[in-house]
C-alpha atoms as a PDB file:
ATOM      1  CA  UNK A   1     -14.536  61.734  85.258  1.00  0.00           C
ATOM      2  CA  UNK A   2     -15.539  63.982  88.135  1.00  0.00           C
ATOM      3  CA  UNK A   3     -19.070  64.985  88.975  1.00  0.00           C
ATOM      4  CA  UNK A   4     -19.967  68.057  90.992  1.00  0.00           C
ATOM      5  CA  UNK A   5     -23.536  68.677  92.109  1.00  0.00           C
ATOM      6  CA  UNK A   6     -25.016  72.163  92.509  1.00  0.00           C
ATOM      7  CA  UNK A   7     -26.438  72.637  96.003  1.00  0.00           C
ATOM      8  CA  UNK A   8     -27.741  75.563  98.053  1.00  0.00           C
ATOM      9  CA  UNK A   9     -26.091  76.304 101.387  1.00  0.00           C
ATOM     10  CA  UNK A  10     -28.825  76.054 104.030  1.00  0.00           C
ATOM     11  CA  UNK A  11     -26.652  76.129 107.161  1.00  0.00           C
ATOM     12  CA  UNK A  12     -23.143  77.456 107.697  1.00  0.00           C
ATOM     13  CA  UNK A  13     -20.792  77.684 110.647  1.00  0.00           C
ATOM     14  CA  UNK A  14     -17.185  78.542 109.965  1.00  0.00           C
ATOM     15  CA  UNK A  15     -16.019  76.324 107.110  1.00  0.00           C
ATOM     16  CA  UNK A  16     -18.676  73.681 107.781  1.00  0.00           C
ATOM     17  CA  UNK A  17     -22.028  73.827 106.037  1.00  0.00           C
ATOM     18  CA  UNK A  18     -25.094  71.866 105.084  1.00  0.00           C
ATOM     19  CA  UNK A  19     -26.017  71.975 101.402  1.00  0.00           C
ATOM     20  CA  UNK A  20     -29.324  70.977  99.799  1.00  0.00           C
ATOM     21  CA  UNK A  21     -29.786  69.710  96.256  1.00  0.00           C
ATOM     22  CA  UNK A  22     -33.246  68.587  95.207  1.00  0.00           C
ATOM     23  CA  UNK A  23     -34.162  67.680  98.789  1.00  0.00           C
ATOM     24  CA  UNK A  24     -30.942  65.790  99.503  1.00  0.00           C
ATOM     25  CA  UNK A  25     -28.736  67.310 102.201  1.00  0.00           C
ATOM     26  CA  UNK A  26     -25.034  66.832 102.828  1.00  0.00           C
ATOM     27  CA  UNK A  27     -22.547  68.065 105.348  1.00  0.00           C
ATOM     28  CA  UNK A  28     -19.873  69.860 103.322  1.00  0.00           C
ATOM     29  CA  UNK A  29     -16.800  71.995 103.849  1.00  0.00           C
ATOM     30  CA  UNK A  30     -16.363  75.490 102.427  1.00  0.00           C
ATOM     31  CA  UNK A  31     -12.604  75.610 102.982  1.00  0.00           C
ATOM     32  CA  UNK A  32     -11.994  76.121  99.248  1.00  0.00           C
ATOM     33  CA  UNK A  33     -14.710  78.790  98.934  1.00  0.00           C
ATOM     34  CA  UNK A  34     -14.482  80.971 102.055  1.00  0.00           C
ATOM     35  CA  UNK A  35     -16.527  83.752 100.396  1.00  0.00           C
ATOM     36  CA  UNK A  36     -19.770  81.762 100.241  1.00  0.00           C
ATOM     37  CA  UNK A  37     -22.661  82.540 102.536  1.00  0.00           C
ATOM     38  CA  UNK A  38     -26.069  81.231 103.509  1.00  0.00           C
ATOM     39  CA  UNK A  39     -28.312  80.863 100.452  1.00  0.00           C
ATOM     40  CA  UNK A  40     -25.476  80.709  97.917  1.00  0.00           C
ATOM     41  CA  UNK A  41     -25.386  77.862  95.416  1.00  0.00           C
ATOM     42  CA  UNK A  42     -22.124  75.981  95.104  1.00  0.00           C
ATOM     43  CA  UNK A  43     -20.819  73.002  93.189  1.00  0.00           C
ATOM     44  CA  UNK A  44     -20.114  70.185  95.652  1.00  0.00           C
ATOM     45  CA  UNK A  45     -17.507  67.545  94.885  1.00  0.00           C
ATOM     46  CA  UNK A  46     -16.134  65.015  97.370  1.00  0.00           C
ATOM     47  CA  UNK A  47     -17.708  66.884 100.282  1.00  0.00           C
ATOM     48  CA  UNK A  48     -16.259  70.283  99.384  1.00  0.00           C
ATOM     49  CA  UNK A  49     -17.820  73.359  97.833  1.00  0.00           C
ATOM     50  CA  UNK A  50     -15.457  73.980  94.923  1.00  0.00           C
ATOM     51  CA  UNK A  51     -17.021  77.061  93.332  1.00  0.00           C
ATOM     52  CA  UNK A  52     -20.050  79.314  93.523  1.00  0.00           C
ATOM     53  CA  UNK A  53     -22.572  79.093  90.640  1.00  0.00           C
ATOM     54  CA  UNK A  54     -25.513  81.125  89.408  1.00  0.00           C
ATOM     55  CA  UNK A  55     -29.028  79.971  90.244  1.00  0.00           C
ATOM     56  CA  UNK A  56     -30.061  79.533  86.582  1.00  0.00           C
ATOM     57  CA  UNK A  57     -27.108  77.236  85.891  1.00  0.00           C
ATOM     58  CA  UNK A  58     -27.966  75.177  88.987  1.00  0.00           C
ATOM     59  CA  UNK A  59     -31.649  75.021  88.018  1.00  0.00           C
ATOM     60  CA  UNK A  60     -30.778  73.704  84.548  1.00  0.00           C
ATOM     61  CA  UNK A  61     -28.586  70.995  86.068  1.00  0.00           C
ATOM     62  CA  UNK A  62     -31.284  69.993  88.574  1.00  0.00           C
ATOM     63  CA  UNK A  63     -33.779  69.744  85.705  1.00  0.00           C
ATOM     64  CA  UNK A  64     -31.409  67.445  83.803  1.00  0.00           C
ATOM     65  CA  UNK A  65     -31.045  65.201  86.855  1.00  0.00           C
ATOM     66  CA  UNK A  66     -34.847  65.065  87.169  1.00  0.00           C
ATOM     67  CA  UNK A  67     -35.165  64.089  83.493  1.00  0.00           C
ATOM     68  CA  UNK A  68     -32.563  61.341  83.922  1.00  0.00           C
ATOM     69  CA  UNK A  69     -34.385  59.979  86.976  1.00  0.00           C
ATOM     70  CA  UNK A  70     -37.674  60.023  85.052  1.00  0.00           C
ATOM     71  CA  UNK A  71     -36.162  58.144  82.105  1.00  0.00           C
ATOM     72  CA  UNK A  72     -34.650  55.533  84.432  1.00  0.00           C
ATOM     73  CA  UNK A  73     -38.007  55.048  86.155  1.00  0.00           C
ATOM     74  CA  UNK A  74     -39.728  54.583  82.790  1.00  0.00           C
ATOM     75  CA  UNK A  75     -37.100  52.056  81.694  1.00  0.00           C
ATOM     76  CA  UNK A  76     -37.419  50.123  84.942  1.00  0.00           C
ATOM     77  CA  UNK A  77     -41.202  50.128  84.594  1.00  0.00           C
ATOM     78  CA  UNK A  78     -40.953  48.853  81.009  1.00  0.00           C
ATOM     79  CA  UNK A  79     -38.543  46.084  82.058  1.00  0.00           C
ATOM     80  CA  UNK A  80     -40.917  45.081  84.853  1.00  0.00           C
ATOM     81  CA  UNK A  81     -43.837  44.862  82.412  1.00  0.00           C
ATOM     82  CA  UNK A  82     -41.805  42.576  80.132  1.00  0.00           C
ATOM     83  CA  UNK A  83     -41.141  40.039  82.875  1.00  0.00           C
END
């Protein structure tokens, strides 16, 4: 299974860019998506922007990741209380 993360391009020079997703930044390549520009949101997989996505779709995905992180934190807290 492959996982691609939506991230906003915050810096771009040629086919090299920096993308930000929920405060995490990565150096990525835009070789596969030469049309993207600063501020666009792309799906990042294996260090490459593979497609451009709409902001609402990205926001929904970021919200799901936040919910997953919250559930994991609650589970870890509950396990700690049991020990």
